[in-house]
Amino acid sequence: MEERQGVRRSQAPPGTERPKRLLPQYHYELIGCGLRGHQLVGTDVAEIRPDDSLLVREPGDGLRWYRCVRCDAWVPLPPPVAPARQHLPERSEIDLPLRGRPLRDRYVLRLIALDRLVHFLVLGALAVAVFLFAADREALSQTFYRVLDAVQGGVGGPNGQAGGGIVRELRRAFAAKSSTLWLVGWALAGYAVLEGVEAVGLWFAKRWAEYLTFIATTLLLVPEVYELTGRITVTKIVTLVINLAVVGYLLLAKRLFGLRGGGRAEAAERAHDTGWPALERALPGR
């Protein structure tokens, strides 16, 4: 690979290379720093030593240049007026943020987690509604039919139980057995819990959550494809495309079930893109 200033192009700081394709190139390190600010080390130390040049440099012009350990940007700041410590902490005391592909995976997993969170809230609300309806269906049905008669009569429509669309579906619900309603409610509640567990696990990048999400989403593809054999809607197509993308990403990018080297290859990739060796490889010349 082409090299410049002793740094491989694949290790160049984020945002310094022009994209080679038509699609935009996302630098997740820059996104993280844009949202939370640069992650600098040693802004509160009194003395900078030569060995600290990996993170901080003091050229002698009254400023210190601090290196962001996430995006590799160098930020000039004056020395602290009231330093809290004499020297930089040891490497074992510094928590380095994610970089490279591990950081990209963290953003994608959290995006999937937010999608699962929405599912959890919607399904949970539906389950509660079904339980409340099953517990007091008789009173709700009487109120429903009184309101329906009043609305239809007020607009010149027929009185009674005529109607279609959502009215027809509600009438079917009122006619369903109580045992069926409770079964539907528990099924919705169980599905909501599953989606909630997926959301929490994916947010914290747990390996078990990736497998759970893959299996659950794959099983749901069967009824989603079957529904397309009937009435096709934009919502059904979008849902299917999203779930296919989630399954493909988890299977290929996250190397599930030993694919593309499995967990060992992912751990090696993580060790390559993050940690002190990655910072040293991307260190510019003095």
C-alpha atoms as a PDB file:
ATOM      1  CA  MET A   1       0.000   0.000   0.000  1.00  0.00           C
ATOM      2  CA  GLU A   2       1.028   3.530  -0.641  1.00  0.00           C
ATOM      3  CA  GLU A   3       2.664   5.142   2.391  1.00  0.00           C
ATOM      4  CA  ARG A   4       3.003   8.739   3.432  1.00  0.00           C
ATOM      5  CA  GLN A   5       5.004  10.023   6.393  1.00  0.00           C
ATOM      6  CA  GLY A   6       5.443   6.458   7.579  1.00  0.00           C
ATOM      7  CA  VAL A   7       1.703   5.875   7.878  1.00  0.00           C
ATOM      8  CA  ARG A   8      -0.181   3.408   5.687  1.00  0.00           C
ATOM      9  CA  ARG A   9      -3.088   4.915   3.793  1.00  0.00           C
ATOM     10  CA  SER A  10      -5.402   2.454   5.509  1.00  0.00           C
ATOM     11  CA  GLN A  11      -4.235   3.944   8.820  1.00  0.00           C
ATOM     12  CA  ALA A  12      -4.568   7.593   7.822  1.00  0.00           C
ATOM     13  CA  PRO A  13      -6.521   9.779  10.265  1.00  0.00           C
ATOM     14  CA  PRO A  14     -10.288   9.873   9.652  1.00  0.00           C
ATOM     15  CA  GLY A  15     -11.383  12.524   7.189  1.00  0.00           C
ATOM     16  CA  THR A  16      -7.990  12.949   5.478  1.00  0.00           C
ATOM     17  CA  GLU A  17      -8.695  10.651   2.510  1.00  0.00           C
ATOM     18  CA  ARG A  18     -11.057  11.404  -0.344  1.00  0.00           C
ATOM     19  CA  PRO A  19     -13.665   8.683  -0.955  1.00  0.00           C
ATOM     20  CA  LYS A  20     -12.990   6.468  -3.957  1.00  0.00           C
ATOM     21  CA  ARG A  21     -16.625   5.658  -4.643  1.00  0.00           C
ATOM     22  CA  LEU A  22     -19.794   7.562  -5.409  1.00  0.00           C
ATOM     23  CA  LEU A  23     -21.373   6.802  -2.039  1.00  0.00           C
ATOM     24  CA  PRO A  24     -20.272   8.982   0.895  1.00  0.00           C
ATOM     25  CA  GLN A  25     -17.632   7.563   3.222  1.00  0.00           C
ATOM     26  CA  TYR A  26     -18.681   7.720   6.843  1.00  0.00           C
ATOM     27  CA  HIS A  27     -15.999   8.318   9.462  1.00  0.00           C
ATOM     28  CA  TYR A  28     -17.602   7.199  12.671  1.00  0.00           C
ATOM     29  CA  GLU A  29     -14.738   8.643  14.728  1.00  0.00           C
ATOM     30  CA  LEU A  30     -15.651  12.103  13.458  1.00  0.00           C
ATOM     31  CA  ILE A  31     -19.334  11.448  14.159  1.00  0.00           C
ATOM     32  CA  GLY A  32     -18.488  10.458  17.737  1.00  0.00           C
ATOM     33  CA  CYS A  33     -16.327  13.522  18.306  1.00  0.00           C
ATOM     34  CA  GLY A  34     -18.962  15.741  16.715  1.00  0.00           C
ATOM     35  CA  LEU A  35     -21.573  14.436  19.137  1.00  0.00           C
ATOM     36  CA  ARG A  36     -19.488  14.184  22.320  1.00  0.00           C
ATOM     37  CA  GLY A  37     -16.386  16.262  21.661  1.00  0.00           C
ATOM     38  CA  HIS A  38     -12.750  15.212  21.346  1.00  0.00           C
ATOM     39  CA  GLN A  39     -11.366  12.733  23.849  1.00  0.00           C
ATOM     40  CA  LEU A  40      -8.107  14.262  25.045  1.00  0.00           C
ATOM     41  CA  VAL A  41      -5.678  12.924  27.623  1.00  0.00           C
ATOM     42  CA  GLY A  42      -3.397  14.984  29.878  1.00  0.00           C
ATOM     43  CA  THR A  43      -5.165  18.343  29.813  1.00  0.00           C
ATOM     44  CA  ASP A  44      -4.732  18.526  33.597  1.00  0.00           C
ATOM     45  CA  VAL A  45      -1.033  17.562  33.956  1.00  0.00           C
ATOM     46  CA  ALA A  46       1.769  19.910  34.931  1.00  0.00           C
ATOM     47  CA  GLU A  47       4.652  18.446  32.943  1.00  0.00           C
ATOM     48  CA  ILE A  48       4.866  16.816  29.508  1.00  0.00           C
ATOM     49  CA  ARG A  49       7.669  14.287  29.026  1.00  0.00           C
ATOM     50  CA  PRO A  50       9.251  13.241  25.715  1.00  0.00           C
ATOM     51  CA  ASP A  51       7.678   9.802  26.048  1.00  0.00           C
ATOM     52  CA  ASP A  52       4.247  11.441  26.053  1.00  0.00           C
ATOM     53  CA  SER A  53       4.533  12.493  22.393  1.00  0.00           C
ATOM     54  CA  LEU A  54       2.049   9.802  21.371  1.00  0.00           C
ATOM     55  CA  LEU A  55      -0.712  11.803  23.077  1.00  0.00           C
ATOM     56  CA  VAL A  56       0.604  15.286  23.879  1.00  0.00           C
ATOM     57  CA  ARG A  57       3.303  17.505  22.343  1.00  0.00           C
ATOM     58  CA  GLU A  58       4.694  20.773  23.608  1.00  0.00           C
ATOM     59  CA  PRO A  59       6.621  22.550  20.812  1.00  0.00           C
ATOM     60  CA  GLY A  60       7.628  25.483  23.020  1.00  0.00           C
ATOM     61  CA  ASP A  61       5.323  28.209  21.664  1.00  0.00           C
ATOM     62  CA  GLY A  62       3.257  28.410  24.826  1.00  0.00           C
ATOM     63  CA  LEU A  63       0.696  25.874  23.642  1.00  0.00           C
ATOM     64  CA  ARG A  64       0.284  22.148  24.000  1.00  0.00           C
ATOM     65  CA  TRP A  65      -1.029  19.965  21.213  1.00  0.00           C
ATOM     66  CA  TYR A  66      -3.313  17.223  22.475  1.00  0.00           C
ATOM     67  CA  ARG A  67      -4.177  14.264  20.292  1.00  0.00           C
ATOM     68  CA  CYS A  68      -7.747  13.007  20.279  1.00  0.00           C
ATOM     69  CA  VAL A  69      -7.516   9.286  20.930  1.00  0.00           C
ATOM     70  CA  ARG A  70     -10.711   8.726  18.932  1.00  0.00           C
ATOM     71  CA  CYS A  71     -10.286  10.683  15.667  1.00  0.00           C
ATOM     72  CA  ASP A  72      -6.529  11.561  15.757  1.00  0.00           C
ATOM     73  CA  ALA A  73      -7.170  15.318  15.541  1.00  0.00           C
ATOM     74  CA  TRP A  74      -4.571  17.517  17.291  1.00  0.00           C
ATOM     75  CA  VAL A  75      -6.046  20.297  19.417  1.00  0.00           C
ATOM     76  CA  PRO A  76      -3.907  23.260  20.641  1.00  0.00           C
ATOM     77  CA  LEU A  77      -4.640  24.342  24.212  1.00  0.00           C
ATOM     78  CA  PRO A  78      -2.748  26.383  26.803  1.00  0.00           C
ATOM     79  CA  PRO A  79      -1.204  24.493  29.741  1.00  0.00           C
ATOM     80  CA  PRO A  80      -3.529  24.160  32.752  1.00  0.00           C
ATOM     81  CA  VAL A  81      -3.389  26.940  35.310  1.00  0.00           C
ATOM     82  CA  ALA A  82      -4.010  24.561  38.220  1.00  0.00           C
ATOM     83  CA  PRO A  83      -2.835  21.080  37.149  1.00  0.00           C
ATOM     84  CA  ALA A  84      -4.348  18.131  38.997  1.00  0.00           C
ATOM     85  CA  ARG A  85      -1.395  15.783  38.537  1.00  0.00           C
ATOM     86  CA  GLN A  86       2.272  15.937  37.619  1.00  0.00           C
ATOM     87  CA  HIS A  87       2.446  13.567  34.652  1.00  0.00           C
ATOM     88  CA  LEU A  88       0.216  11.664  32.273  1.00  0.00           C
ATOM     89  CA  PRO A  89      -1.352   8.512  33.750  1.00  0.00           C
ATOM     90  CA  GLU A  90       0.020   5.117  32.801  1.00  0.00           C
ATOM     91  CA  ARG A  91      -1.426   3.416  29.768  1.00  0.00           C
ATOM     92  CA  SER A  92      -3.195   0.872  31.940  1.00  0.00           C
ATOM     93  CA  GLU A  93      -5.115   3.737  33.589  1.00  0.00           C
ATOM     94  CA  ILE A  94      -6.363   5.247  30.301  1.00  0.00           C
ATOM     95  CA  ASP A  95      -9.600   3.966  28.753  1.00  0.00           C
ATOM     96  CA  LEU A  96      -9.267   4.215  24.984  1.00  0.00           C
ATOM     97  CA  PRO A  97     -12.452   4.626  22.912  1.00  0.00           C
ATOM     98  CA  LEU A  98     -13.417   2.409  20.007  1.00  0.00           C
ATOM     99  CA  ARG A  99     -12.049   3.218  16.571  1.00  0.00           C
ATOM    100  CA  GLY A 100     -12.316   1.845  13.067  1.00  0.00           C
ATOM    101  CA  ARG A 101     -14.683  -1.022  12.311  1.00  0.00           C
ATOM    102  CA  PRO A 102     -15.480  -1.816  15.964  1.00  0.00           C
ATOM    103  CA  LEU A 103     -16.775   1.745  16.329  1.00  0.00           C
ATOM    104  CA  ARG A 104     -18.804   1.393  13.122  1.00  0.00           C
ATOM    105  CA  ASP A 105     -20.308  -1.838  14.448  1.00  0.00           C
ATOM    106  CA  ARG A 106     -21.222  -0.128  17.706  1.00  0.00           C
ATOM    107  CA  TYR A 107     -23.194   2.557  15.827  1.00  0.00           C
ATOM    108  CA  VAL A 108     -24.956   0.017  13.607  1.00  0.00           C
ATOM    109  CA  LEU A 109     -25.846  -2.232  16.531  1.00  0.00           C
ATOM    110  CA  ARG A 110     -27.273   0.704  18.456  1.00  0.00           C
ATOM    111  CA  LEU A 111     -29.330   1.717  15.419  1.00  0.00           C
ATOM    112  CA  ILE A 112     -30.784  -1.805  15.347  1.00  0.00           C
ATOM    113  CA  ALA A 113     -31.311  -1.562  19.118  1.00  0.00           C
ATOM    114  CA  LEU A 114     -33.388   1.604  18.650  1.00  0.00           C
ATOM    115  CA  ASP A 115     -35.499  -0.201  16.055  1.00  0.00           C
ATOM    116  CA  ARG A 116     -36.064  -3.032  18.539  1.00  0.00           C
ATOM    117  CA  LEU A 117     -36.924  -0.489  21.246  1.00  0.00           C
ATOM    118  CA  VAL A 118     -39.696   0.938  19.057  1.00  0.00           C
ATOM    119  CA  HIS A 119     -41.019  -2.605  18.547  1.00  0.00           C
ATOM    120  CA  PHE A 120     -40.922  -3.171  22.302  1.00  0.00           C
ATOM    121  CA  LEU A 121     -42.930  -0.029  23.035  1.00  0.00           C
ATOM    122  CA  VAL A 122     -45.540  -0.672  20.334  1.00  0.00           C
ATOM    123  CA  LEU A 123     -46.006  -4.355  21.172  1.00  0.00           C
ATOM    124  CA  GLY A 124     -46.098  -3.603  24.888  1.00  0.00           C
ATOM    125  CA  ALA A 125     -48.809  -0.999  24.370  1.00  0.00           C
ATOM    126  CA  LEU A 126     -50.813  -3.440  22.239  1.00  0.00           C
ATOM    127  CA  ALA A 127     -50.489  -6.163  24.868  1.00  0.00           C
ATOM    128  CA  VAL A 128     -51.727  -3.830  27.598  1.00  0.00           C
ATOM    129  CA  ALA A 129     -54.636  -2.753  25.406  1.00  0.00           C
ATOM    130  CA  VAL A 130     -55.629  -6.369  24.726  1.00  0.00           C
ATOM    131  CA  PHE A 131     -55.453  -7.256  28.427  1.00  0.00           C
ATOM    132  CA  LEU A 132     -57.594  -4.254  29.374  1.00  0.00           C
ATOM    133  CA  PHE A 133     -60.071  -5.076  26.628  1.00  0.00           C
ATOM    134  CA  ALA A 134     -60.298  -8.743  27.662  1.00  0.00           C
ATOM    135  CA  ALA A 135     -60.856  -7.786  31.300  1.00  0.00           C
ATOM    136  CA  ASP A 136     -63.743  -5.390  30.613  1.00  0.00           C
ATOM    137  CA  ARG A 137     -64.993  -6.291  27.164  1.00  0.00           C
ATOM    138  CA  GLU A 138     -68.700  -6.117  27.944  1.00  0.00           C
ATOM    139  CA  ALA A 139     -68.596  -2.523  29.180  1.00  0.00           C
ATOM    140  CA  LEU A 140     -66.338  -1.461  26.304  1.00  0.00           C
ATOM    141  CA  SER A 141     -68.567  -3.100  23.700  1.00  0.00           C
ATOM    142  CA  GLN A 142     -71.675  -1.281  24.948  1.00  0.00           C
ATOM    143  CA  THR A 143     -69.850   2.049  24.850  1.00  0.00           C
ATOM    144  CA  PHE A 144     -68.487   1.268  21.395  1.00  0.00           C
ATOM    145  CA  TYR A 145     -71.888   0.546  19.884  1.00  0.00           C
ATOM    146  CA  ARG A 146     -73.494   3.621  21.498  1.00  0.00           C
ATOM    147  CA  VAL A 147     -70.779   5.874  20.083  1.00  0.00           C
ATOM    148  CA  LEU A 148     -71.006   4.161  16.684  1.00  0.00           C
ATOM    149  CA  ASP A 149     -74.775   4.676  16.503  1.00  0.00           C
ATOM    150  CA  ALA A 150     -74.443   8.313  17.524  1.00  0.00           C
ATOM    151  CA  VAL A 151     -71.733   9.055  14.966  1.00  0.00           C
ATOM    152  CA  GLN A 152     -73.444   7.256  12.090  1.00  0.00           C
ATOM    153  CA  GLY A 153     -76.813   8.755  12.910  1.00  0.00           C
ATOM    154  CA  GLY A 154     -75.340  12.227  13.166  1.00  0.00           C
ATOM    155  CA  VAL A 155     -73.875  12.071   9.668  1.00  0.00           C
ATOM    156  CA  GLY A 156     -76.978  10.537   8.155  1.00  0.00           C
ATOM    157  CA  GLY A 157     -75.649   6.992   8.060  1.00  0.00           C
ATOM    158  CA  PRO A 158     -77.382   3.792   9.072  1.00  0.00           C
ATOM    159  CA  ASN A 159     -77.874   3.026  12.729  1.00  0.00           C
ATOM    160  CA  GLY A 160     -77.120  -0.318  14.304  1.00  0.00           C
ATOM    161  CA  GLN A 161     -74.027  -2.420  13.776  1.00  0.00           C
ATOM    162  CA  ALA A 162     -73.352  -1.783  10.093  1.00  0.00           C
ATOM    163  CA  GLY A 163     -69.899  -0.743   9.008  1.00  0.00           C
ATOM    164  CA  GLY A 164     -66.620  -1.936   7.576  1.00  0.00           C
ATOM    165  CA  GLY A 165     -62.884  -1.448   7.920  1.00  0.00           C
ATOM    166  CA  ILE A 166     -61.767  -0.823  11.476  1.00  0.00           C
ATOM    167  CA  VAL A 167     -65.382  -1.049  12.663  1.00  0.00           C
ATOM    168  CA  ARG A 168     -65.600  -4.575  11.291  1.00  0.00           C
ATOM    169  CA  GLU A 169     -62.300  -5.549  12.958  1.00  0.00           C
ATOM    170  CA  LEU A 170     -63.440  -4.132  16.295  1.00  0.00           C
ATOM    171  CA  ARG A 171     -66.688  -6.048  16.023  1.00  0.00           C
ATOM    172  CA  ARG A 172     -64.725  -9.255  15.455  1.00  0.00           C
ATOM    173  CA  ALA A 173     -62.633  -8.504  18.523  1.00  0.00           C
ATOM    174  CA  PHE A 174     -65.757  -8.029  20.641  1.00  0.00           C
ATOM    175  CA  ALA A 175     -67.060 -11.379  19.375  1.00  0.00           C
ATOM    176  CA  ALA A 176     -63.821 -13.295  20.083  1.00  0.00           C
ATOM    177  CA  LYS A 177     -63.554 -15.669  23.015  1.00  0.00           C
ATOM    178  CA  SER A 178     -61.944 -14.379  26.195  1.00  0.00           C
ATOM    179  CA  SER A 179     -59.391 -17.213  26.103  1.00  0.00           C
ATOM    180  CA  THR A 180     -58.383 -16.152  22.592  1.00  0.00           C
ATOM    181  CA  LEU A 181     -57.917 -12.545  23.653  1.00  0.00           C
ATOM    182  CA  TRP A 182     -55.772 -13.506  26.639  1.00  0.00           C
ATOM    183  CA  LEU A 183     -53.685 -15.784  24.408  1.00  0.00           C
ATOM    184  CA  VAL A 184     -53.149 -12.943  21.938  1.00  0.00           C
ATOM    185  CA  GLY A 185     -52.242 -10.589  24.780  1.00  0.00           C
ATOM    186  CA  TRP A 186     -49.646 -12.955  26.240  1.00  0.00           C
ATOM    187  CA  ALA A 187     -48.189 -13.585  22.773  1.00  0.00           C
ATOM    188  CA  LEU A 188     -47.799  -9.831  22.229  1.00  0.00           C
ATOM    189  CA  ALA A 189     -46.285  -9.405  25.703  1.00  0.00           C
ATOM    190  CA  GLY A 190     -43.797 -12.212  25.117  1.00  0.00           C
ATOM    191  CA  TYR A 191     -42.790 -10.761  21.767  1.00  0.00           C
ATOM    192  CA  ALA A 192     -42.386  -7.332  23.378  1.00  0.00           C
ATOM    193  CA  VAL A 193     -40.105  -8.789  26.070  1.00  0.00           C
ATOM    194  CA  LEU A 194     -38.025 -10.492  23.378  1.00  0.00           C
ATOM    195  CA  GLU A 195     -37.630  -7.221  21.490  1.00  0.00           C
ATOM    196  CA  GLY A 196     -36.715  -5.414  24.714  1.00  0.00           C
ATOM    197  CA  VAL A 197     -34.033  -7.982  25.561  1.00  0.00           C
ATOM    198  CA  GLU A 198     -32.626  -7.656  22.046  1.00  0.00           C
ATOM    199  CA  ALA A 199     -32.537  -3.857  22.350  1.00  0.00           C
ATOM    200  CA  VAL A 200     -30.646  -3.896  25.656  1.00  0.00           C
ATOM    201  CA  GLY A 201     -28.178  -6.552  24.520  1.00  0.00           C
ATOM    202  CA  LEU A 202     -27.453  -4.859  21.199  1.00  0.00           C
ATOM    203  CA  TRP A 203     -27.030  -1.453  22.836  1.00  0.00           C
ATOM    204  CA  PHE A 204     -24.215  -2.872  24.964  1.00  0.00           C
ATOM    205  CA  ALA A 205     -22.818  -4.905  22.020  1.00  0.00           C
ATOM    206  CA  LYS A 206     -23.336  -8.318  23.624  1.00  0.00           C
ATOM    207  CA  ARG A 207     -22.481 -11.281  21.430  1.00  0.00           C
ATOM    208  CA  TRP A 208     -25.471 -13.307  22.646  1.00  0.00           C
ATOM    209  CA  ALA A 209     -27.788 -10.469  21.600  1.00  0.00           C
ATOM    210  CA  GLU A 210     -26.455 -10.636  18.050  1.00  0.00           C
ATOM    211  CA  TYR A 211     -27.305 -14.347  17.854  1.00  0.00           C
ATOM    212  CA  LEU A 212     -30.712 -13.800  19.468  1.00  0.00           C
ATOM    213  CA  THR A 213     -31.566 -10.979  17.066  1.00  0.00           C
ATOM    214  CA  PHE A 214     -30.406 -12.996  14.058  1.00  0.00           C
ATOM    215  CA  ILE A 215     -32.488 -16.052  14.986  1.00  0.00           C
ATOM    216  CA  ALA A 216     -35.614 -14.068  15.901  1.00  0.00           C
ATOM    217  CA  THR A 217     -35.448 -11.876  12.794  1.00  0.00           C
ATOM    218  CA  THR A 218     -34.788 -14.849  10.504  1.00  0.00           C
ATOM    219  CA  LEU A 219     -37.835 -16.694  11.851  1.00  0.00           C
ATOM    220  CA  LEU A 220     -39.993 -13.623  11.222  1.00  0.00           C
ATOM    221  CA  LEU A 221     -38.940 -13.478   7.583  1.00  0.00           C
ATOM    222  CA  VAL A 222     -41.129 -16.491   6.795  1.00  0.00           C
ATOM    223  CA  PRO A 223     -44.496 -14.880   7.664  1.00  0.00           C
ATOM    224  CA  GLU A 224     -43.348 -11.560   6.182  1.00  0.00           C
ATOM    225  CA  VAL A 225     -42.615 -13.190   2.824  1.00  0.00           C
ATOM    226  CA  TYR A 226     -45.889 -15.114   3.009  1.00  0.00           C
ATOM    227  CA  GLU A 227     -47.845 -11.885   3.574  1.00  0.00           C
ATOM    228  CA  LEU A 228     -46.440 -10.503   0.318  1.00  0.00           C
ATOM    229  CA  THR A 229     -48.220 -13.293  -1.563  1.00  0.00           C
ATOM    230  CA  GLY A 230     -51.451 -11.532  -0.667  1.00  0.00           C
ATOM    231  CA  ARG A 231     -51.847  -7.777  -0.484  1.00  0.00           C
ATOM    232  CA  ILE A 232     -48.582  -5.913  -1.070  1.00  0.00           C
ATOM    233  CA  THR A 233     -48.073  -2.614   0.757  1.00  0.00           C
ATOM    234  CA  VAL A 234     -45.177  -0.198   1.121  1.00  0.00           C
ATOM    235  CA  THR A 235     -44.999  -0.910   4.855  1.00  0.00           C
ATOM    236  CA  LYS A 236     -44.611  -4.655   4.280  1.00  0.00           C
ATOM    237  CA  ILE A 237     -41.864  -4.118   1.716  1.00  0.00           C
ATOM    238  CA  VAL A 238     -39.942  -1.658   3.894  1.00  0.00           C
ATOM    239  CA  THR A 239     -40.184  -3.975   6.911  1.00  0.00           C
ATOM    240  CA  LEU A 240     -38.936  -6.926   4.879  1.00  0.00           C
ATOM    241  CA  VAL A 241     -36.012  -4.935   3.455  1.00  0.00           C
ATOM    242  CA  ILE A 242     -34.983  -3.713   6.921  1.00  0.00           C
ATOM    243  CA  ASN A 243     -35.091  -7.203   8.402  1.00  0.00           C
ATOM    244  CA  LEU A 244     -33.135  -8.644   5.461  1.00  0.00           C
ATOM    245  CA  ALA A 245     -30.485  -5.950   5.957  1.00  0.00           C
ATOM    246  CA  VAL A 246     -30.281  -6.743   9.687  1.00  0.00           C
ATOM    247  CA  VAL A 247     -29.899 -10.474   9.015  1.00  0.00           C
ATOM    248  CA  GLY A 248     -27.257  -9.902   6.338  1.00  0.00           C
ATOM    249  CA  TYR A 249     -25.283  -7.480   8.479  1.00  0.00           C
ATOM    250  CA  LEU A 250     -25.261  -9.720  11.545  1.00  0.00           C
ATOM    251  CA  LEU A 251     -24.329 -12.782   9.524  1.00  0.00           C
ATOM    252  CA  LEU A 252     -21.552 -11.242   7.432  1.00  0.00           C
ATOM    253  CA  ALA A 253     -20.186  -8.213   9.287  1.00  0.00           C
ATOM    254  CA  LYS A 254     -20.470  -9.753  12.760  1.00  0.00           C
ATOM    255  CA  ARG A 255     -19.246 -13.167  11.541  1.00  0.00           C
ATOM    256  CA  LEU A 256     -21.915 -15.244  13.265  1.00  0.00           C
ATOM    257  CA  PHE A 257     -21.763 -19.044  13.316  1.00  0.00           C
ATOM    258  CA  GLY A 258     -18.064 -19.028  12.422  1.00  0.00           C
ATOM    259  CA  LEU A 259     -18.597 -17.274   9.089  1.00  0.00           C
ATOM    260  CA  ARG A 260     -15.551 -15.350   7.784  1.00  0.00           C
ATOM    261  CA  GLY A 261     -13.414 -16.559  10.662  1.00  0.00           C
ATOM    262  CA  GLY A 262     -16.060 -16.179  13.372  1.00  0.00           C
ATOM    263  CA  GLY A 263     -15.425 -14.622  16.758  1.00  0.00           C
ATOM    264  CA  ARG A 264     -11.655 -15.037  16.554  1.00  0.00           C
ATOM    265  CA  ALA A 265     -11.448 -13.015  13.367  1.00  0.00           C
ATOM    266  CA  GLU A 266     -13.676 -10.315  14.875  1.00  0.00           C
ATOM    267  CA  ALA A 267     -11.485 -10.169  18.003  1.00  0.00           C
ATOM    268  CA  ALA A 268      -8.372  -9.865  15.810  1.00  0.00           C
ATOM    269  CA  GLU A 269      -9.992  -7.065  13.830  1.00  0.00           C
ATOM    270  CA  ARG A 270     -10.933  -5.296  17.035  1.00  0.00           C
ATOM    271  CA  ALA A 271      -7.380  -5.600  18.366  1.00  0.00           C
ATOM    272  CA  HIS A 272      -6.018  -4.229  15.064  1.00  0.00           C
ATOM    273  CA  ASP A 273      -8.283  -1.178  14.885  1.00  0.00           C
ATOM    274  CA  THR A 274      -8.356  -0.191  18.560  1.00  0.00           C
ATOM    275  CA  GLY A 275      -5.935   0.051  21.458  1.00  0.00           C
ATOM    276  CA  TRP A 276      -2.414   1.393  21.751  1.00  0.00           C
ATOM    277  CA  PRO A 277      -0.960  -0.427  18.708  1.00  0.00           C
ATOM    278  CA  ALA A 278      -3.541   1.303  16.485  1.00  0.00           C
ATOM    279  CA  LEU A 279      -2.609   4.698  17.951  1.00  0.00           C
ATOM    280  CA  GLU A 280       1.081   4.035  17.371  1.00  0.00           C
ATOM    281  CA  ARG A 281       0.546   2.986  13.750  1.00  0.00           C
ATOM    282  CA  ALA A 282      -1.339   6.221  13.032  1.00  0.00           C
ATOM    283  CA  LEU A 283       1.227   8.433  14.789  1.00  0.00           C
ATOM    284  CA  PRO A 284       2.459  11.186  12.445  1.00  0.00           C
ATOM    285  CA  GLY A 285       6.121  12.125  12.164  1.00  0.00           C
ATOM    286  CA  ARG A 286       7.657  14.456  14.679  1.00  0.00           C
END
